[in-house]
Every structure is written in structure tokens, then in C-alpha cells.
PDB file of N, CA and C in Angstrom:
ATOM      1  N   UNK A   1       1.054  -1.056  -0.104  1.00  0.00           N
ATOM      2  CA  UNK A   1      -0.078   0.561   0.046  1.00  0.00           C
ATOM      3  C   UNK A   1       0.964   1.257  -0.291  1.00  0.00           C
ATOM      4  N   UNK A   2       0.725   2.416  -0.789  1.00  0.00           N
ATOM      5  CA  UNK A   2       1.149   3.359  -0.856  1.00  0.00           C
ATOM      6  C   UNK A   2       0.975   4.610   0.243  1.00  0.00           C
ATOM      7  N   UNK A   3       1.579   5.303   0.667  1.00  0.00           N
ATOM      8  CA  UNK A   3       1.360   6.200   1.494  1.00  0.00           C
ATOM      9  C   UNK A   3       0.681   7.810   0.704  1.00  0.00           C
ATOM     10  N   UNK A   4      -0.209   8.622   0.989  1.00  0.00           N
ATOM     11  CA  UNK A   4      -0.642   9.282   0.317  1.00  0.00           C
ATOM     12  C   UNK A   4      -0.270  10.921   0.596  1.00  0.00           C
ATOM     13  N   UNK A   5       0.696  11.159   1.377  1.00  0.00           N
ATOM     14  CA  UNK A   5       0.584  11.844   2.838  1.00  0.00           C
ATOM     15  C   UNK A   5       1.758  11.555   2.983  1.00  0.00           C
ATOM     16  N   UNK A   6       2.903  13.039   3.260  1.00  0.00           N
ATOM     17  CA  UNK A   6       4.437  12.788   3.787  1.00  0.00           C
ATOM     18  C   UNK A   6       4.162  14.018   3.835  1.00  0.00           C
ATOM     19  N   UNK A   7       5.416  14.393   5.566  1.00  0.00           N
ATOM     20  CA  UNK A   7       6.120  15.856   5.581  1.00  0.00           C
ATOM     21  C   UNK A   7       7.776  15.156   4.992  1.00  0.00           C
ATOM     22  N   UNK A   8       7.957  16.284   4.115  1.00  0.00           N
ATOM     23  CA  UNK A   8       9.202  16.365   4.161  1.00  0.00           C
ATOM     24  C   UNK A   8       9.992  17.659   4.395  1.00  0.00           C
ATOM     25  N   UNK A   9      11.089  17.262   4.346  1.00  0.00           N
ATOM     26  CA  UNK A   9      11.794  18.974   4.061  1.00  0.00           C
ATOM     27  C   UNK A   9      12.108  18.654   2.508  1.00  0.00           C
ATOM     28  N   UNK A  10      12.464  19.929   2.178  1.00  0.00           N
ATOM     29  CA  UNK A  10      11.492  19.974   0.852  1.00  0.00           C
ATOM     30  C   UNK A  10      12.963  21.303   0.059  1.00  0.00           C
ATOM     31  N   UNK A  11      14.140  21.203  -0.561  1.00  0.00           N
ATOM     32  CA  UNK A  11      14.819  22.111  -1.305  1.00  0.00           C
ATOM     33  C   UNK A  11      14.092  22.508  -2.177  1.00  0.00           C
ATOM     34  N   UNK A  12      14.172  23.905  -2.268  1.00  0.00           N
ATOM     35  CA  UNK A  12      13.484  24.740  -3.287  1.00  0.00           C
ATOM     36  C   UNK A  12      14.488  25.789  -4.862  1.00  0.00           C
ATOM     37  N   UNK A  13      14.436  25.634  -5.633  1.00  0.00           N
ATOM     38  CA  UNK A  13      15.150  26.896  -6.217  1.00  0.00           C
ATOM     39  C   UNK A  13      14.670  28.106  -6.299  1.00  0.00           C
ATOM     40  N   UNK A  14      15.380  29.593  -6.339  1.00  0.00           N
ATOM     41  CA  UNK A  14      14.851  30.610  -6.130  1.00  0.00           C
ATOM     42  C   UNK A  14      13.818  31.065  -6.914  1.00  0.00           C
ATOM     43  N   UNK A  15      13.837  29.981  -8.212  1.00  0.00           N
ATOM     44  CA  UNK A  15      12.384  30.597  -9.186  1.00  0.00           C
ATOM     45  C   UNK A  15      10.994  29.832  -8.109  1.00  0.00           C
ATOM     46  N   UNK A  16      11.585  28.183  -7.720  1.00  0.00           N
ATOM     47  CA  UNK A  16      10.296  28.087  -7.130  1.00  0.00           C
ATOM     48  C   UNK A  16      10.253  28.658  -6.061  1.00  0.00           C
ATOM     49  N   UNK A  17      10.848  28.769  -5.423  1.00  0.00           N
ATOM     50  CA  UNK A  17      10.230  29.626  -4.328  1.00  0.00           C
ATOM     51  C   UNK A  17       9.656  31.101  -4.291  1.00  0.00           C
ATOM     52  N   UNK A  18       9.728  31.408  -5.507  1.00  0.00           N
ATOM     53  CA  UNK A  18       8.886  33.445  -5.853  1.00  0.00           C
ATOM     54  C   UNK A  18       7.378  32.728  -6.888  1.00  0.00           C
ATOM     55  N   UNK A  19       7.748  31.309  -7.551  1.00  0.00           N
ATOM     56  CA  UNK A  19       6.451  31.168  -8.594  1.00  0.00           C
ATOM     57  C   UNK A  19       5.098  31.584  -8.090  1.00  0.00           C
ATOM     58  N   UNK A  20       4.738  30.412  -6.649  1.00  0.00           N
ATOM     59  CA  UNK A  20       3.537  30.960  -6.303  1.00  0.00           C
ATOM     60  C   UNK A  20       3.668  32.641  -6.238  1.00  0.00           C
ATOM     61  N   UNK A  21       3.707  33.502  -6.599  1.00  0.00           N
ATOM     62  CA  UNK A  21       3.059  34.826  -6.976  1.00  0.00           C
ATOM     63  C   UNK A  21       2.550  34.680  -7.700  1.00  0.00           C
ATOM     64  N   UNK A  22       2.916  34.164  -8.569  1.00  0.00           N
ATOM     65  CA  UNK A  22       2.528  34.609 -10.169  1.00  0.00           C
ATOM     66  C   UNK A  22       0.612  34.058 -10.434  1.00  0.00           C
ATOM     67  N   UNK A  23       0.577  33.069  -9.185  1.00  0.00           N
ATOM     68  CA  UNK A  23      -0.915  32.292  -9.296  1.00  0.00           C
ATOM     69  C   UNK A  23      -1.603  33.541  -9.179  1.00  0.00           C
ATOM     70  N   UNK A  24      -1.073  34.090  -8.268  1.00  0.00           N
ATOM     71  CA  UNK A  24      -1.620  35.175  -7.024  1.00  0.00           C
ATOM     72  C   UNK A  24      -2.059  36.105  -8.168  1.00  0.00           C
ATOM     73  N   UNK A  25      -0.973  37.226  -9.081  1.00  0.00           N
ATOM     74  CA  UNK A  25      -0.651  37.994 -10.216  1.00  0.00           C
ATOM     75  C   UNK A  25      -2.356  37.868 -11.161  1.00  0.00           C
ATOM     76  N   UNK A  26      -1.789  36.690 -11.416  1.00  0.00           N
ATOM     77  CA  UNK A  26      -2.556  36.016 -12.510  1.00  0.00           C
ATOM     78  C   UNK A  26      -4.559  36.009 -11.947  1.00  0.00           C
ATOM     79  N   UNK A  27      -4.683  35.679 -10.758  1.00  0.00           N
ATOM     80  CA  UNK A  27      -5.668  35.411 -10.871  1.00  0.00           C
ATOM     81  C   UNK A  27      -6.336  36.482 -10.219  1.00  0.00           C
ATOM     82  N   UNK A  28      -6.160  37.204  -9.372  1.00  0.00           N
ATOM     83  CA  UNK A  28      -6.782  38.556  -8.778  1.00  0.00           C
ATOM     84  C   UNK A  28      -6.381  40.038  -9.183  1.00  0.00           C
ATOM     85  N   UNK A  29      -5.106  39.868  -9.947  1.00  0.00           N
ATOM     86  CA  UNK A  29      -4.918  41.171 -10.783  1.00  0.00           C
ATOM     87  C   UNK A  29      -5.926  40.834 -12.310  1.00  0.00           C
ATOM     88  N   UNK A  30      -6.422  39.586 -12.392  1.00  0.00           N
ATOM     89  CA  UNK A  30      -7.204  39.450 -13.729  1.00  0.00           C
ATOM     90  C   UNK A  30      -8.548  40.155 -13.423  1.00  0.00           C
ATOM     91  N   UNK A  31      -9.055  40.087 -12.730  1.00  0.00           N
ATOM     92  CA  UNK A  31     -10.098  40.851 -12.353  1.00  0.00           C
ATOM     93  C   UNK A  31     -10.329  41.955 -12.612  1.00  0.00           C
ATOM     94  N   UNK A  32      -9.175  42.910 -12.927  1.00  0.00           N
ATOM     95  CA  UNK A  32      -9.237  44.109 -12.710  1.00  0.00           C
ATOM     96  C   UNK A  32      -8.749  44.302 -14.269  1.00  0.00           C
ATOM     97  N   UNK A  33      -7.921  43.394 -15.167  1.00  0.00           N
ATOM     98  CA  UNK A  33      -6.767  43.392 -15.995  1.00  0.00           C
ATOM     99  C   UNK A  33      -6.631  41.827 -16.113  1.00  0.00           C
ATOM    100  N   UNK A  34      -7.860  41.270 -17.321  1.00  0.00           N
ATOM    101  CA  UNK A  34      -8.342  40.284 -18.400  1.00  0.00           C
ATOM    102  C   UNK A  34      -6.473  39.764 -18.932  1.00  0.00           C
ATOM    103  N   UNK A  35      -6.261  40.929 -19.664  1.00  0.00           N
ATOM    104  CA  UNK A  35      -5.567  40.150 -20.257  1.00  0.00           C
ATOM    105  C   UNK A  35      -3.814  39.817 -19.233  1.00  0.00           C
ATOM    106  N   UNK A  36      -4.113  40.416 -18.001  1.00  0.00           N
ATOM    107  CA  UNK A  36      -2.887  38.943 -17.544  1.00  0.00           C
ATOM    108  C   UNK A  36      -3.307  38.022 -17.907  1.00  0.00           C
ATOM    109  N   UNK A  37      -3.982  37.148 -17.812  1.00  0.00           N
ATOM    110  CA  UNK A  37      -4.445  36.232 -18.791  1.00  0.00           C
ATOM    111  C   UNK A  37      -3.808  35.417 -19.574  1.00  0.00           C
ATOM    112  N   UNK A  38      -3.934  36.568 -20.158  1.00  0.00           N
ATOM    113  CA  UNK A  38      -2.152  35.386 -21.613  1.00  0.00           C
ATOM    114  C   UNK A  38      -1.184  34.981 -21.117  1.00  0.00           C
ATOM    115  N   UNK A  39      -1.213  35.801 -19.816  1.00  0.00           N
ATOM    116  CA  UNK A  39       0.132  34.885 -19.179  1.00  0.00           C
ATOM    117  C   UNK A  39       0.335  33.285 -19.261  1.00  0.00           C
ATOM    118  N   UNK A  40      -0.211  33.513 -18.983  1.00  0.00           N
ATOM    119  CA  UNK A  40      -0.616  31.430 -19.042  1.00  0.00           C
ATOM    120  C   UNK A  40      -0.208  31.416 -20.077  1.00  0.00           C
ATOM    121  N   UNK A  41      -0.315  31.448 -21.849  1.00  0.00           N
ATOM    122  CA  UNK A  41      -0.503  30.466 -22.823  1.00  0.00           C
ATOM    123  C   UNK A  41       0.910  30.549 -22.823  1.00  0.00           C
ATOM    124  N   UNK A  42       1.930  31.281 -22.317  1.00  0.00           N
ATOM    125  CA  UNK A  42       3.693  30.314 -22.487  1.00  0.00           C
ATOM    126  C   UNK A  42       3.688  29.431 -21.455  1.00  0.00           C
ATOM    127  N   UNK A  43       3.456  29.816 -20.346  1.00  0.00           N
ATOM    128  CA  UNK A  43       3.657  28.366 -19.417  1.00  0.00           C
ATOM    129  C   UNK A  43       2.890  27.300 -20.346  1.00  0.00           C
ATOM    130  N   UNK A  44       1.277  27.523 -20.481  1.00  0.00           N
ATOM    131  CA  UNK A  44       1.240  26.551 -21.004  1.00  0.00           C
ATOM    132  C   UNK A  44       2.018  25.488 -22.299  1.00  0.00           C
ATOM    133  N   UNK A  45       2.556  25.887 -23.027  1.00  0.00           N
ATOM    134  CA  UNK A  45       3.313  25.830 -23.799  1.00  0.00           C
ATOM    135  C   UNK A  45       4.505  25.296 -23.636  1.00  0.00           C
ATOM    136  N   UNK A  46       5.044  25.832 -22.377  1.00  0.00           N
ATOM    137  CA  UNK A  46       6.658  25.466 -22.018  1.00  0.00           C
ATOM    138  C   UNK A  46       6.213  24.109 -21.178  1.00  0.00           C
ATOM    139  N   UNK A  47       4.979  23.747 -20.367  1.00  0.00           N
ATOM    140  CA  UNK A  47       4.199  22.916 -20.370  1.00  0.00           C
ATOM    141  C   UNK A  47       4.228  21.988 -20.667  1.00  0.00           C
ATOM    142  N   UNK A  48       3.663  22.138 -22.366  1.00  0.00           N
ATOM    143  CA  UNK A  48       3.606  20.777 -23.203  1.00  0.00           C
ATOM    144  C   UNK A  48       5.117  20.047 -23.374  1.00  0.00           C
ATOM    145  N   UNK A  49       6.006  21.359 -24.086  1.00  0.00           N
ATOM    146  CA  UNK A  49       7.506  20.660 -24.522  1.00  0.00           C
ATOM    147  C   UNK A  49       7.900  20.475 -22.999  1.00  0.00           C
ATOM    148  N   UNK A  50       8.082  20.500 -22.180  1.00  0.00           N
ATOM    149  CA  UNK A  50       9.063  19.845 -21.539  1.00  0.00           C
ATOM    150  C   UNK A  50       8.687  18.805 -20.944  1.00  0.00           C
ATOM    151  N   UNK A  51       7.291  17.974 -20.872  1.00  0.00           N
ATOM    152  CA  UNK A  51       6.063  17.888 -20.228  1.00  0.00           C
ATOM    153  C   UNK A  51       6.803  15.959 -21.324  1.00  0.00           C
ATOM    154  N   UNK A  52       7.371  16.808 -23.425  1.00  0.00           N
ATOM    155  CA  UNK A  52       6.961  15.373 -23.590  1.00  0.00           C
ATOM    156  C   UNK A  52       8.981  15.469 -23.788  1.00  0.00           C
ATOM    157  N   UNK A  53       9.134  15.999 -24.017  1.00  0.00           N
ATOM    158  CA  UNK A  53      10.920  16.191 -23.535  1.00  0.00           C
ATOM    159  C   UNK A  53      11.891  15.548 -22.427  1.00  0.00           C
ATOM    160  N   UNK A  54      11.256  16.007 -20.740  1.00  0.00           N
ATOM    161  CA  UNK A  54      11.971  15.509 -19.728  1.00  0.00           C
ATOM    162  C   UNK A  54      10.582  14.550 -18.781  1.00  0.00           C
ATOM    163  N   UNK A  55       9.392  14.714 -19.312  1.00  0.00           N
ATOM    164  CA  UNK A  55       8.160  13.798 -18.484  1.00  0.00           C
ATOM    165  C   UNK A  55       7.863  15.265 -16.957  1.00  0.00           C
ATOM    166  N   UNK A  56       8.063  14.949 -16.541  1.00  0.00           N
ATOM    167  CA  UNK A  56       7.364  15.624 -15.594  1.00  0.00           C
ATOM    168  C   UNK A  56       8.143  16.614 -14.394  1.00  0.00           C
ATOM    169  N   UNK A  57       8.981  17.191 -15.343  1.00  0.00           N
ATOM    170  CA  UNK A  57      10.396  17.707 -14.534  1.00  0.00           C
ATOM    171  C   UNK A  57       9.662  19.868 -14.144  1.00  0.00           C
ATOM    172  N   UNK A  58       8.620  19.676 -15.289  1.00  0.00           N
ATOM    173  CA  UNK A  58       7.806  20.772 -14.991  1.00  0.00           C
ATOM    174  C   UNK A  58       7.338  20.863 -13.650  1.00  0.00           C
ATOM    175  N   UNK A  59       6.863  20.282 -13.308  1.00  0.00           N
ATOM    176  CA  UNK A  59       5.817  19.825 -12.251  1.00  0.00           C
ATOM    177  C   UNK A  59       7.490  19.746 -11.343  1.00  0.00           C
ATOM    178  N   UNK A  60       8.525  19.641 -10.596  1.00  0.00           N
ATOM    179  CA  UNK A  60       8.601  19.238  -9.244  1.00  0.00           C
ATOM    180  C   UNK A  60       9.890  20.630  -9.597  1.00  0.00           C
ATOM    181  N   UNK A  61      10.251  21.213 -11.078  1.00  0.00           N
ATOM    182  CA  UNK A  61      10.954  22.895 -10.908  1.00  0.00           C
ATOM    183  C   UNK A  61      10.406  24.380 -10.659  1.00  0.00           C
ATOM    184  N   UNK A  62       9.140  24.241 -11.564  1.00  0.00           N
ATOM    185  CA  UNK A  62       9.066  25.362 -12.308  1.00  0.00           C
ATOM    186  C   UNK A  62       7.613  25.697 -11.773  1.00  0.00           C
ATOM    187  N   UNK A  63       6.505  24.670 -11.456  1.00  0.00           N
ATOM    188  CA  UNK A  63       4.922  24.589 -11.544  1.00  0.00           C
ATOM    189  C   UNK A  63       4.938  26.030 -10.668  1.00  0.00           C
ATOM    190  N   UNK A  64       3.977  26.570 -10.903  1.00  0.00           N
ATOM    191  CA  UNK A  64       3.823  28.439  -9.851  1.00  0.00           C
ATOM    192  C   UNK A  64       3.020  27.790  -9.131  1.00  0.00           C
ATOM    193  N   UNK A  65       1.922  26.768 -10.020  1.00  0.00           N
ATOM    194  CA  UNK A  65       0.390  25.779  -9.282  1.00  0.00           C
ATOM    195  C   UNK A  65       0.775  25.038  -7.935  1.00  0.00           C
ATOM    196  N   UNK A  66       2.285  24.434  -7.755  1.00  0.00           N
ATOM    197  CA  UNK A  66       2.689  23.572  -7.071  1.00  0.00           C
ATOM    198  C   UNK A  66       4.173  24.537  -6.372  1.00  0.00           C
ATOM    199  N   UNK A  67       4.060  25.552  -6.631  1.00  0.00           N
ATOM    200  CA  UNK A  67       4.858  26.515  -5.243  1.00  0.00           C
ATOM    201  C   UNK A  67       3.656  26.837  -4.740  1.00  0.00           C
ATOM    202  N   UNK A  68       2.555  27.478  -4.541  1.00  0.00           N
ATOM    203  CA  UNK A  68       1.912  27.786  -4.331  1.00  0.00           C
ATOM    204  C   UNK A  68       0.783  26.874  -2.873  1.00  0.00           C
ATOM    205  N   UNK A  69       1.720  25.387  -3.144  1.00  0.00           N
ATOM    206  CA  UNK A  69       0.591  24.303  -2.363  1.00  0.00           C
ATOM    207  C   UNK A  69       1.947  24.615  -1.521  1.00  0.00           C
ATOM    208  N   UNK A  70       3.100  24.703  -2.055  1.00  0.00           N
ATOM    209  CA  UNK A  70       4.466  23.760  -0.935  1.00  0.00           C
ATOM    210  C   UNK A  70       4.113  25.293  -0.269  1.00  0.00           C
ATOM    211  N   UNK A  71       4.409  26.779  -0.643  1.00  0.00           N
ATOM    212  CA  UNK A  71       4.533  26.907   0.759  1.00  0.00           C
ATOM    213  C   UNK A  71       3.703  28.269   0.805  1.00  0.00           C
ATOM    214  N   UNK A  72       2.308  28.137   0.562  1.00  0.00           N
ATOM    215  CA  UNK A  72       1.264  28.374   1.763  1.00  0.00           C
ATOM    216  C   UNK A  72      -0.103  27.475   2.086  1.00  0.00           C
ATOM    217  N   UNK A  73       0.523  26.056   1.310  1.00  0.00           N
ATOM    218  CA  UNK A  73      -1.107  25.034   1.565  1.00  0.00           C
ATOM    219  C   UNK A  73       0.442  24.466   2.757  1.00  0.00           C
ATOM    220  N   UNK A  74       0.817  23.773   2.258  1.00  0.00           N
ATOM    221  CA  UNK A  74       2.219  22.627   2.866  1.00  0.00           C
ATOM    222  C   UNK A  74       2.159  23.546   4.319  1.00  0.00           C
ATOM    223  N   UNK A  75       2.465  24.585   5.101  1.00  0.00           N
ATOM    224  CA  UNK A  75       2.361  25.451   6.152  1.00  0.00           C
ATOM    225  C   UNK A  75       1.452  24.686   7.704  1.00  0.00           C
ATOM    226  N   UNK A  76       0.199  24.764   6.733  1.00  0.00           N
ATOM    227  CA  UNK A  76      -0.918  24.614   7.413  1.00  0.00           C
ATOM    228  C   UNK A  76      -1.227  23.513   7.505  1.00  0.00           C
ATOM    229  N   UNK A  77      -0.808  22.384   6.454  1.00  0.00           N
ATOM    230  CA  UNK A  77      -1.774  21.487   6.265  1.00  0.00           C
ATOM    231  C   UNK A  77      -1.602  20.330   7.814  1.00  0.00           C
ATOM    232  N   UNK A  78      -2.165  19.594   7.971  1.00  0.00           N
ATOM    233  CA  UNK A  78      -2.319  18.751   8.809  1.00  0.00           C
ATOM    234  C   UNK A  78      -1.968  17.120   8.719  1.00  0.00           C
ATOM    235  N   UNK A  79      -1.383  17.137   7.550  1.00  0.00           N
ATOM    236  CA  UNK A  79      -0.721  15.689   7.232  1.00  0.00           C
ATOM    237  C   UNK A  79      -1.624  14.812   7.661  1.00  0.00           C
ATOM    238  N   UNK A  80      -2.229  14.915   7.472  1.00  0.00           N
ATOM    239  CA  UNK A  80      -3.595  13.291   7.304  1.00  0.00           C
ATOM    240  C   UNK A  80      -3.439  12.269   6.572  1.00  0.00           C
ATOM    241  N   UNK A  81      -3.933  11.637   6.113  1.00  0.00           N
ATOM    242  CA  UNK A  81      -4.379  10.293   5.202  1.00  0.00           C
ATOM    243  C   UNK A  81      -6.150  11.167   4.707  1.00  0.00           C
ATOM    244  N   UNK A  82      -6.060  11.403   3.837  1.00  0.00           N
ATOM    245  CA  UNK A  82      -7.239  11.272   2.526  1.00  0.00           C
ATOM    246  C   UNK A  82      -8.387  10.932   2.663  1.00  0.00           C
ATOM    247  N   UNK A  83      -9.309  10.591   3.008  1.00  0.00           N
ATOM    248  CA  UNK A  83     -10.332  10.231   3.155  1.00  0.00           C
ATOM    249  C   UNK A  83     -10.603   8.770   2.245  1.00  0.00           C
ATOM    250  N   UNK A  84     -10.837   7.830   2.546  1.00  0.00           N
ATOM    251  CA  UNK A  84     -10.755   6.276   1.152  1.00  0.00           C
ATOM    252  C   UNK A  84     -11.853   6.674   0.423  1.00  0.00           C
ATOM    253  N   UNK A  85     -12.530   7.562   0.267  1.00  0.00           N
ATOM    254  CA  UNK A  85     -13.813   8.432  -0.620  1.00  0.00           C
ATOM    255  C   UNK A  85     -12.883   8.747  -1.524  1.00  0.00           C
ATOM    256  N   UNK A  86     -11.848   9.375  -1.631  1.00  0.00           N
ATOM    257  CA  UNK A  86     -10.893   9.982  -2.645  1.00  0.00           C
ATOM    258  C   UNK A  86     -10.503   9.612  -2.846  1.00  0.00           C
ATOM    259  N   UNK A  87      -9.928   7.866  -2.681  1.00  0.00           N
ATOM    260  CA  UNK A  87      -8.540   7.352  -3.161  1.00  0.00           C
ATOM    261  C   UNK A  87      -8.920   6.835  -4.836  1.00  0.00           C
ATOM    262  N   UNK A  88      -7.834   6.509  -5.355  1.00  0.00           N
ATOM    263  CA  UNK A  88      -8.035   5.977  -6.414  1.00  0.00           C
ATOM    264  C   UNK A  88      -8.724   4.646  -6.444  1.00  0.00           C
ATOM    265  N   UNK A  89      -9.785   4.998  -7.856  1.00  0.00           N
ATOM    266  CA  UNK A  89     -10.493   3.661  -8.022  1.00  0.00           C
ATOM    267  C   UNK A  89      -9.990   2.835  -8.752  1.00  0.00           C
TER     268      UNK A  89
END
């Protein structure tokens, strides 16, 4: 059986440390300046290119959304096991 939750010490690159600010900028800034949403297009293109070339390299090293979870949500997480209802089927 595999563990679906874990608490680890992680090493972050400077890009990964501050990438979460991009998510906040586009999400809330886009309410007043909708053209900020166009910044997502290069992100999606680089994700697709790196996905074919290196697999999940993007997810662990550059992903702004993952950075948001690591820096904002992980410190307040209780690291409890997910309910079995949410498990894989």
C-alpha cells in the first residue's frame, strides 16, 4: 500500500520559491486586468514541451501552482491521510 501523504524537507530553487506569486498575480490581477490571463499561454506551451522532453520535470521545478501549495498550504496542512472515498478507484 502506498502512502498518499507525507511531510518532507524540500529544497527549492529561487524560481520555485517565488513562482506562487505569479498565480496570485494572474488570479486576482486578472479581475481588473483580464489581459493578464494571456500570461498563461507561455506557461502552458512550456509545460507541454517539457512534458514531452522530460516528463514531470516541470511539475517539480517550475510549476507556479505547485509552488503555491508548497509555500502557502503546506505550512498549515495537518498531513492527515485522505479519506478512502477520495482514493483511486
